[in-house]
């Protein structure tokens, strides 16, 4: 069976070639909250994560009122968790591309009533849905709950929200190939973008996973908790 991520990686490789050939990345726009709160880049695990998520929030359609500091930290922590679980940058970009489409469908149903806290939690759960669809090896919902939602709700409540979000997708998680290619290119450009407002702002990069998380996805339950406390 051909992996779904294989096509994503091929599209991403083409997109990155296109972005390198482009004359300028000056047209890349980050979500306004990511521009105003550039100091939160210190919570990014890798330098590219902050700009990538800032662009993703724009592509997903979240308003300025729906993205706050807490939501930004939660999203950055989510990407950190995925990196510590040994997912590649290509895997994460593929997840975000799918999640951007899921977000558009979700916001079309309940966007106007969604508070900033709800929007942040919804964004993370849409990334979870995208991970579940695109990856062969996945982190189960209980792991996401333990490290991202433990103080917010129970695992059963989280399961219910995930099912509701799936209903907004009409239980179809596949993304049309043309739209997927567009999103992959947008996110590839953002991943390589160094916005003027981010110059000189440090990040929390530790140069990738060390030996403790080499088998991270297979032994995640007992190891990730300590890494996510910082």
Protein backbone atom coordinates (compact mmCIF):
# COMPACT_ATOMS: atom_id res chain seq x y z
CA UNK A 1 0.00 0.00 0.00
CA UNK A 2 1.44 3.33 -1.01
CA UNK A 3 1.82 5.75 1.84
CA UNK A 4 -0.20 8.94 1.68
CA UNK A 5 2.82 10.90 2.84
CA UNK A 6 4.83 9.82 -0.21
CA UNK A 7 2.77 12.06 -2.47
CA UNK A 8 3.04 14.86 0.08
CA UNK A 9 6.82 14.57 0.14
CA UNK A 10 6.98 14.63 -3.66
CA UNK A 11 4.71 17.68 -3.78
CA UNK A 12 6.71 19.35 -1.03
CA UNK A 13 10.00 18.73 -2.83
CA UNK A 14 8.57 20.36 -5.95
CA UNK A 15 7.19 23.22 -3.86
CA UNK A 16 10.53 23.85 -2.15
CA UNK A 17 12.26 23.93 -5.53
CA UNK A 18 9.71 26.50 -6.66
CA UNK A 19 10.21 28.59 -3.55
CA UNK A 20 14.01 28.56 -3.98
CA UNK A 21 13.60 29.66 -7.59
CA UNK A 22 11.29 32.50 -6.60
CA UNK A 23 12.79 35.98 -6.75
CA UNK A 24 11.69 36.91 -3.26
CA UNK A 25 9.88 35.57 -0.23
CA UNK A 26 8.80 39.07 0.72
CA UNK A 27 5.20 38.26 -0.18
CA UNK A 28 4.92 35.71 2.64
CA UNK A 29 2.40 36.98 5.16
CA UNK A 30 2.22 35.78 8.73
CA UNK A 31 -0.91 35.95 10.84
CA UNK A 32 -1.03 39.43 12.45
CA UNK A 33 -0.82 37.99 15.95
CA UNK A 34 2.43 36.24 15.06
CA UNK A 35 3.78 39.58 13.83
CA UNK A 36 2.69 41.44 16.95
CA UNK A 37 3.87 38.74 19.34
CA UNK A 38 7.17 37.84 17.74
CA UNK A 39 8.71 37.51 21.21
CA UNK A 40 6.89 34.16 21.52
CA UNK A 41 9.39 32.73 19.06
CA UNK A 42 11.41 31.72 22.12
CA UNK A 43 8.86 28.89 22.50
CA UNK A 44 9.62 27.48 19.04
CA UNK A 45 11.55 24.21 19.05
CA UNK A 46 13.16 25.01 15.70
CA UNK A 47 13.68 28.38 14.04
CA UNK A 48 11.30 27.57 11.17
CA UNK A 49 8.34 26.61 13.39
CA UNK A 50 7.20 30.12 14.30
CA UNK A 51 6.94 31.44 10.73
CA UNK A 52 5.44 28.18 9.50
CA UNK A 53 2.64 28.33 12.10
CA UNK A 54 2.15 32.05 11.51
CA UNK A 55 1.53 31.35 7.85
CA UNK A 56 -0.62 28.31 8.65
CA UNK A 57 -2.98 30.39 10.80
CA UNK A 58 -3.45 32.74 7.85
CA UNK A 59 -4.12 29.89 5.43
CA UNK A 60 -6.50 28.25 7.91
CA UNK A 61 -8.57 31.43 8.13
CA UNK A 62 -8.36 32.25 11.83
CA UNK A 63 -9.17 35.88 12.63
CA UNK A 64 -6.94 38.11 14.74
CA UNK A 65 -9.40 37.75 17.63
CA UNK A 66 -9.25 33.95 17.48
CA UNK A 67 -5.48 33.68 17.95
CA UNK A 68 -4.07 34.75 21.30
CA UNK A 69 -0.85 34.18 23.19
CA UNK A 70 -2.06 31.00 24.88
CA UNK A 71 -3.18 29.52 21.57
CA UNK A 72 0.13 30.36 19.93
CA UNK A 73 2.07 28.69 22.74
CA UNK A 74 -0.16 25.61 22.48
CA UNK A 75 0.41 25.34 18.73
CA UNK A 76 4.16 25.77 19.15
CA UNK A 77 4.13 23.10 21.85
CA UNK A 78 2.23 20.81 19.50
CA UNK A 79 4.86 21.13 16.78
CA UNK A 80 7.56 20.61 19.40
CA UNK A 81 5.85 17.39 20.48
CA UNK A 82 5.67 16.20 16.87
CA UNK A 83 9.36 16.90 16.35
CA UNK A 84 10.27 15.09 19.56
CA UNK A 85 8.21 12.17 18.27
CA UNK A 86 10.67 12.04 15.37
CA UNK A 87 8.35 13.32 12.65
CA UNK A 88 10.27 14.99 9.84
CA UNK A 89 9.70 18.55 8.66
CA UNK A 90 8.06 17.11 5.53
CA UNK A 91 5.65 15.10 7.70
CA UNK A 92 4.72 18.16 9.74
CA UNK A 93 4.22 20.38 6.68
CA UNK A 94 1.99 17.67 5.19
CA UNK A 95 -0.07 17.57 8.40
CA UNK A 96 -0.45 21.34 8.45
CA UNK A 97 -1.49 21.45 4.80
CA UNK A 98 -4.32 19.00 5.46
CA UNK A 99 -5.25 20.72 8.73
CA UNK A 100 -5.59 24.09 6.95
CA UNK A 101 -8.35 22.63 4.78
CA UNK A 102 -10.04 21.06 7.79
CA UNK A 103 -9.90 24.43 9.56
CA UNK A 104 -11.64 26.19 6.67
CA UNK A 105 -14.51 23.71 6.80
CA UNK A 106 -14.73 23.99 10.59
CA UNK A 107 -14.72 27.79 10.62
CA UNK A 108 -17.44 27.84 7.97
CA UNK A 109 -19.68 26.08 10.48
CA UNK A 110 -18.79 27.63 13.81
CA UNK A 111 -16.14 30.28 13.21
CA UNK A 112 -18.00 33.43 14.30
CA UNK A 113 -18.87 31.99 17.72
CA UNK A 114 -15.44 30.49 18.40
CA UNK A 115 -13.46 32.11 21.20
CA UNK A 116 -9.67 32.39 21.17
CA UNK A 117 -9.34 29.48 23.61
CA UNK A 118 -11.65 27.30 21.53
CA UNK A 119 -9.81 28.28 18.36
CA UNK A 120 -6.42 27.32 19.80
CA UNK A 121 -7.67 23.94 20.99
CA UNK A 122 -9.49 23.36 17.70
CA UNK A 123 -6.34 24.15 15.71
CA UNK A 124 -4.37 21.54 17.62
CA UNK A 125 -7.07 18.88 17.26
CA UNK A 126 -7.26 19.51 13.52
CA UNK A 127 -3.52 18.87 13.36
CA UNK A 128 -4.22 15.65 15.26
CA UNK A 129 -6.79 14.67 12.63
CA UNK A 130 -4.30 15.41 9.87
CA UNK A 131 -1.65 13.34 11.65
CA UNK A 132 -4.07 10.44 11.97
CA UNK A 133 -4.85 10.54 8.25
CA UNK A 134 -1.41 11.16 6.77
CA UNK A 135 0.91 9.11 8.96
CA UNK A 136 1.46 5.37 9.21
CA UNK A 137 2.74 5.65 12.79
CA UNK A 138 0.67 8.00 14.92
CA UNK A 139 0.59 9.32 18.47
CA UNK A 140 -2.74 8.22 19.99
CA UNK A 141 -5.22 10.72 21.35
CA UNK A 142 -4.34 9.85 24.97
CA UNK A 143 -0.79 11.07 24.36
CA UNK A 144 -2.05 14.36 22.93
CA UNK A 145 -4.33 14.68 25.95
CA UNK A 146 -1.54 13.95 28.41
CA UNK A 147 0.83 16.57 27.04
CA UNK A 148 -1.46 19.22 25.56
CA UNK A 149 -4.94 18.99 27.08
CA UNK A 150 -4.50 17.38 30.49
CA UNK A 151 -5.76 20.43 32.43
CA UNK A 152 -8.56 21.24 30.01
CA UNK A 153 -10.78 18.16 29.61
CA UNK A 154 -10.93 14.37 29.91
CA UNK A 155 -9.83 11.94 27.20
CA UNK A 156 -13.46 10.97 26.56
CA UNK A 157 -14.41 14.63 26.14
CA UNK A 158 -11.52 15.04 23.71
CA UNK A 159 -12.72 12.02 21.74
CA UNK A 160 -16.13 13.64 21.45
CA UNK A 161 -14.65 16.88 20.11
CA UNK A 162 -12.57 14.97 17.56
CA UNK A 163 -15.69 13.18 16.30
CA UNK A 164 -17.49 16.53 16.04
CA UNK A 165 -14.63 17.99 14.04
CA UNK A 166 -14.70 14.96 11.76
CA UNK A 167 -18.41 15.55 11.16
CA UNK A 168 -17.56 19.07 9.95
CA UNK A 169 -15.35 17.37 7.34
CA UNK A 170 -18.25 15.05 6.46
CA UNK A 171 -15.89 12.28 7.54
CA UNK A 172 -13.72 12.85 4.45
CA UNK A 173 -10.12 13.74 5.35
CA UNK A 174 -8.65 13.53 1.86
CA UNK A 175 -7.60 16.88 0.35
CA UNK A 176 -7.82 17.54 -3.38
CA UNK A 177 -4.35 17.22 -4.90
CA UNK A 178 -4.27 20.66 -6.53
CA UNK A 179 -5.21 22.42 -3.32
CA UNK A 180 -2.76 20.28 -1.38
CA UNK A 181 0.09 21.28 -3.69
CA UNK A 182 -0.76 24.96 -3.23
CA UNK A 183 -0.75 24.67 0.54
CA UNK A 184 2.48 22.70 0.58
CA UNK A 185 4.17 25.42 -1.44
CA UNK A 186 2.83 28.17 0.83
CA UNK A 187 4.04 26.38 3.94
CA UNK A 188 7.40 25.49 2.38
CA UNK A 189 7.97 29.17 1.63
CA UNK A 190 6.96 30.17 5.15
CA UNK A 191 9.23 27.50 6.65
CA UNK A 192 12.23 29.08 4.91
CA UNK A 193 11.09 32.67 5.47
CA UNK A 194 12.90 34.97 7.86
CA UNK A 195 10.49 37.84 8.43
CA UNK A 196 12.05 41.22 9.34
CA UNK A 197 10.04 41.24 12.56
CA UNK A 198 11.73 37.98 13.63
CA UNK A 199 15.32 39.11 13.06
CA UNK A 200 17.22 38.95 16.32
CA UNK A 201 14.44 37.12 18.17
CA UNK A 202 15.85 33.88 19.59
CA UNK A 203 14.14 30.53 19.48
CA UNK A 204 14.32 27.50 21.73
CA UNK A 205 15.99 25.33 19.12
CA UNK A 206 18.15 22.56 20.51
CA UNK A 207 19.30 21.30 17.13
CA UNK A 208 16.78 18.47 16.86
CA UNK A 209 16.26 15.40 19.02
CA UNK A 210 19.12 13.99 21.05
CA UNK A 211 19.77 10.37 21.88
CA UNK A 212 16.96 10.28 24.44
CA UNK A 213 14.27 10.46 21.78
CA UNK A 214 15.85 8.40 19.01
CA UNK A 215 13.11 5.75 19.42
CA UNK A 216 10.64 8.45 20.44
CA UNK A 217 7.53 7.28 18.65
CA UNK A 218 7.89 3.77 20.05
CA UNK A 219 8.56 4.81 23.63
CA UNK A 220 6.80 8.15 23.68
CA UNK A 221 4.52 7.54 26.65
CA UNK A 222 7.33 7.39 29.19
CA UNK A 223 9.69 9.99 27.79
CA UNK A 224 8.05 13.07 26.28
CA UNK A 225 6.46 14.52 29.41
CA UNK A 226 9.69 15.90 30.85
CA UNK A 227 10.76 17.46 27.56
CA UNK A 228 7.46 19.35 27.23
CA UNK A 229 7.69 21.06 30.60
CA UNK A 230 10.09 23.73 29.33
